Amino acid sequence: MGDKSKSGGTTASQMLQLYTTKEDSLLHSLAVMELILEKWIEPASDYPFPIDIAFHQIISICQETNGIMYGELLERIETNHILHTLNTLDVQVLINHMVEKDHLLLNKGNAG
């Protein structure tokens, strides 16, 4: 969901994304969205460096895919709109750190 700018397009800075983990939280999220739309409350500002979210997303993607190629993992993280403030180097450093600390297993595999 986005807010229409004067030029008619949706502005990325006005994007509102809702995540729910429980049945009641969907109702809560929708109520908050309604309050934002009616200008009762302001939406949260952008999360400047969501490294903790990236950490969890990397673990989640690796679990979901039962292993993933390094390049594909980078692409999936870089195209995740929540993580748009992270650049490629940030993500590479995070992945390398996760491998060094044994949070991820790097499987070199066959080059041929």
C-alpha atoms as a PDB file:
ATOM      1  CA  MET A   1       0.000   0.000   0.000  1.00  0.00           C
ATOM      2  CA  GLY A   2       1.427   3.381  -0.892  1.00  0.00           C
ATOM      3  CA  ASP A   3       0.479   7.026  -0.809  1.00  0.00           C
ATOM      4  CA  LYS A   4      -0.154   8.737  -4.143  1.00  0.00           C
ATOM      5  CA  SER A   5       2.182  11.621  -4.868  1.00  0.00           C
ATOM      6  CA  LYS A   6       1.111  14.787  -6.719  1.00  0.00           C
ATOM      7  CA  SER A   7       2.515  13.321  -9.944  1.00  0.00           C
ATOM      8  CA  GLY A   8       0.155  10.365  -9.557  1.00  0.00           C
ATOM      9  CA  GLY A   9       2.800   7.760  -8.689  1.00  0.00           C
ATOM     10  CA  THR A  10       3.322   5.943  -5.438  1.00  0.00           C
ATOM     11  CA  THR A  11       6.238   7.247  -3.408  1.00  0.00           C
ATOM     12  CA  ALA A  12       8.525   4.652  -1.842  1.00  0.00           C
ATOM     13  CA  SER A  13       8.905   6.748   1.312  1.00  0.00           C
ATOM     14  CA  GLN A  14       5.164   6.421   1.907  1.00  0.00           C
ATOM     15  CA  MET A  15       5.066   2.623   1.666  1.00  0.00           C
ATOM     16  CA  LEU A  16       3.315   0.834   4.515  1.00  0.00           C
ATOM     17  CA  GLN A  17       3.907  -2.874   4.957  1.00  0.00           C
ATOM     18  CA  LEU A  18       2.091  -5.025   7.475  1.00  0.00           C
ATOM     19  CA  TYR A  19       3.390  -8.289   8.896  1.00  0.00           C
ATOM     20  CA  THR A  20       1.329 -10.435  11.218  1.00  0.00           C
ATOM     21  CA  THR A  21       2.221 -13.520  13.176  1.00  0.00           C
ATOM     22  CA  LYS A  22      -1.017 -14.118  15.057  1.00  0.00           C
ATOM     23  CA  GLU A  23      -4.667 -13.998  14.088  1.00  0.00           C
ATOM     24  CA  ASP A  24      -5.383 -10.982  16.306  1.00  0.00           C
ATOM     25  CA  SER A  25      -2.379  -9.080  15.006  1.00  0.00           C
ATOM     26  CA  LEU A  26      -3.970  -8.831  11.540  1.00  0.00           C
ATOM     27  CA  LEU A  27      -6.914  -6.962  13.030  1.00  0.00           C
ATOM     28  CA  HIS A  28      -4.522  -4.766  15.026  1.00  0.00           C
ATOM     29  CA  SER A  29      -2.436  -4.026  11.907  1.00  0.00           C
ATOM     30  CA  LEU A  30      -5.518  -3.102   9.895  1.00  0.00           C
ATOM     31  CA  ALA A  31      -6.705  -0.790  12.687  1.00  0.00           C
ATOM     32  CA  VAL A  32      -3.330   0.959  12.784  1.00  0.00           C
ATOM     33  CA  MET A  33      -3.392   1.288   8.990  1.00  0.00           C
ATOM     34  CA  GLU A  34      -6.828   2.899   9.173  1.00  0.00           C
ATOM     35  CA  LEU A  35      -5.591   5.378  11.800  1.00  0.00           C
ATOM     36  CA  ILE A  36      -2.640   6.273   9.564  1.00  0.00           C
ATOM     37  CA  LEU A  37      -4.890   6.774   6.544  1.00  0.00           C
ATOM     38  CA  GLU A  38      -7.190   9.037   8.564  1.00  0.00           C
ATOM     39  CA  LYS A  39      -4.126  11.045   9.709  1.00  0.00           C
ATOM     40  CA  TRP A  40      -4.644  10.220  13.396  1.00  0.00           C
ATOM     41  CA  ILE A  41      -1.105   8.890  13.654  1.00  0.00           C
ATOM     42  CA  GLU A  42       2.049   9.199  11.548  1.00  0.00           C
ATOM     43  CA  PRO A  43       3.604   6.123   9.930  1.00  0.00           C
ATOM     44  CA  ALA A  44       6.919   4.952  11.353  1.00  0.00           C
ATOM     45  CA  SER A  45       9.994   6.447   9.750  1.00  0.00           C
ATOM     46  CA  ASP A  46      12.275   4.322   7.610  1.00  0.00           C
ATOM     47  CA  TYR A  47      14.456   1.825   9.449  1.00  0.00           C
ATOM     48  CA  PRO A  48      17.919   3.167   8.512  1.00  0.00           C
ATOM     49  CA  PHE A  49      20.037   0.016   8.904  1.00  0.00           C
ATOM     50  CA  PRO A  50      17.920  -3.150   9.277  1.00  0.00           C
ATOM     51  CA  ILE A  51      20.842  -5.526   9.750  1.00  0.00           C
ATOM     52  CA  ASP A  52      18.937  -7.575  12.341  1.00  0.00           C
ATOM     53  CA  ILE A  53      16.066  -8.092   9.910  1.00  0.00           C
ATOM     54  CA  ALA A  54      18.540  -9.065   7.173  1.00  0.00           C
ATOM     55  CA  PHE A  55      20.122 -11.604   9.541  1.00  0.00           C
ATOM     56  CA  HIS A  56      16.759 -13.269  10.148  1.00  0.00           C
ATOM     57  CA  GLN A  57      15.802 -13.103   6.466  1.00  0.00           C
ATOM     58  CA  ILE A  58      19.047 -14.827   5.462  1.00  0.00           C
ATOM     59  CA  ILE A  59      18.443 -17.631   7.975  1.00  0.00           C
ATOM     60  CA  SER A  60      14.826 -17.910   6.839  1.00  0.00           C
ATOM     61  CA  ILE A  61      15.715 -18.060   3.127  1.00  0.00           C
ATOM     62  CA  CYS A  62      18.389 -20.697   3.715  1.00  0.00           C
ATOM     63  CA  GLN A  63      15.944 -22.766   5.787  1.00  0.00           C
ATOM     64  CA  GLU A  64      13.130 -22.346   3.245  1.00  0.00           C
ATOM     65  CA  THR A  65      15.280 -23.368   0.281  1.00  0.00           C
ATOM     66  CA  ASN A  66      17.280 -26.033   2.142  1.00  0.00           C
ATOM     67  CA  GLY A  67      20.415 -24.267   0.907  1.00  0.00           C
ATOM     68  CA  ILE A  68      20.841 -21.600  -1.740  1.00  0.00           C
ATOM     69  CA  MET A  69      23.576 -20.374  -4.053  1.00  0.00           C
ATOM     70  CA  TYR A  70      25.461 -17.329  -2.727  1.00  0.00           C
ATOM     71  CA  GLY A  71      24.509 -15.119  -5.687  1.00  0.00           C
ATOM     72  CA  GLU A  72      20.846 -16.038  -5.461  1.00  0.00           C
ATOM     73  CA  LEU A  73      20.830 -15.314  -1.724  1.00  0.00           C
ATOM     74  CA  LEU A  74      22.385 -11.885  -2.371  1.00  0.00           C
ATOM     75  CA  GLU A  75      19.781 -11.157  -5.041  1.00  0.00           C
ATOM     76  CA  ARG A  76      16.873 -12.153  -2.814  1.00  0.00           C
ATOM     77  CA  ILE A  77      18.128  -9.961   0.030  1.00  0.00           C
ATOM     78  CA  GLU A  78      18.884  -7.015  -2.278  1.00  0.00           C
ATOM     79  CA  THR A  79      15.414  -7.146  -3.858  1.00  0.00           C
ATOM     80  CA  ASN A  80      13.629  -7.301  -0.488  1.00  0.00           C
ATOM     81  CA  HIS A  81      11.963  -3.889  -0.138  1.00  0.00           C
ATOM     82  CA  ILE A  82      12.302  -3.888   3.641  1.00  0.00           C
ATOM     83  CA  LEU A  83      16.084  -4.047   3.243  1.00  0.00           C
ATOM     84  CA  HIS A  84      16.423  -1.354   0.567  1.00  0.00           C
ATOM     85  CA  THR A  85      18.830   0.708   2.705  1.00  0.00           C
ATOM     86  CA  LEU A  86      21.432  -2.092   2.743  1.00  0.00           C
ATOM     87  CA  ASN A  87      23.909  -2.184  -0.131  1.00  0.00           C
ATOM     88  CA  THR A  88      25.597  -5.265  -1.590  1.00  0.00           C
ATOM     89  CA  LEU A  89      28.732  -4.837   0.517  1.00  0.00           C
ATOM     90  CA  ASP A  90      26.655  -4.635   3.726  1.00  0.00           C
ATOM     91  CA  VAL A  91      24.933  -7.910   2.848  1.00  0.00           C
ATOM     92  CA  GLN A  92      28.192  -9.628   1.862  1.00  0.00           C
ATOM     93  CA  VAL A  93      29.831  -8.572   5.138  1.00  0.00           C
ATOM     94  CA  LEU A  94      26.823  -9.866   7.074  1.00  0.00           C
ATOM     95  CA  ILE A  95      26.834 -13.222   5.275  1.00  0.00           C
ATOM     96  CA  ASN A  96      30.591 -13.602   5.801  1.00  0.00           C
ATOM     97  CA  HIS A  97      30.171 -12.793   9.487  1.00  0.00           C
ATOM     98  CA  MET A  98      27.365 -15.359   9.773  1.00  0.00           C
ATOM     99  CA  VAL A  99      29.624 -17.995   8.188  1.00  0.00           C
ATOM    100  CA  GLU A 100      32.552 -17.068  10.487  1.00  0.00           C
ATOM    101  CA  LYS A 101      30.317 -17.348  13.580  1.00  0.00           C
ATOM    102  CA  ASP A 102      28.805 -20.664  12.401  1.00  0.00           C
ATOM    103  CA  HIS A 103      25.304 -19.279  11.905  1.00  0.00           C
ATOM    104  CA  LEU A 104      25.543 -20.361   8.252  1.00  0.00           C
ATOM    105  CA  LEU A 105      27.381 -23.202   6.577  1.00  0.00           C
ATOM    106  CA  LEU A 106      29.107 -22.346   3.323  1.00  0.00           C
ATOM    107  CA  ASN A 107      29.156 -25.317   0.982  1.00  0.00           C
ATOM    108  CA  LYS A 108      31.689 -24.694  -1.784  1.00  0.00           C
ATOM    109  CA  GLY A 109      30.219 -27.519  -3.910  1.00  0.00           C
ATOM    110  CA  ASN A 110      31.438 -28.519  -7.354  1.00  0.00           C
ATOM    111  CA  ALA A 111      32.796 -25.775  -9.601  1.00  0.00           C
ATOM    112  CA  GLY A 112      32.387 -27.968 -12.680  1.00  0.00           C
END
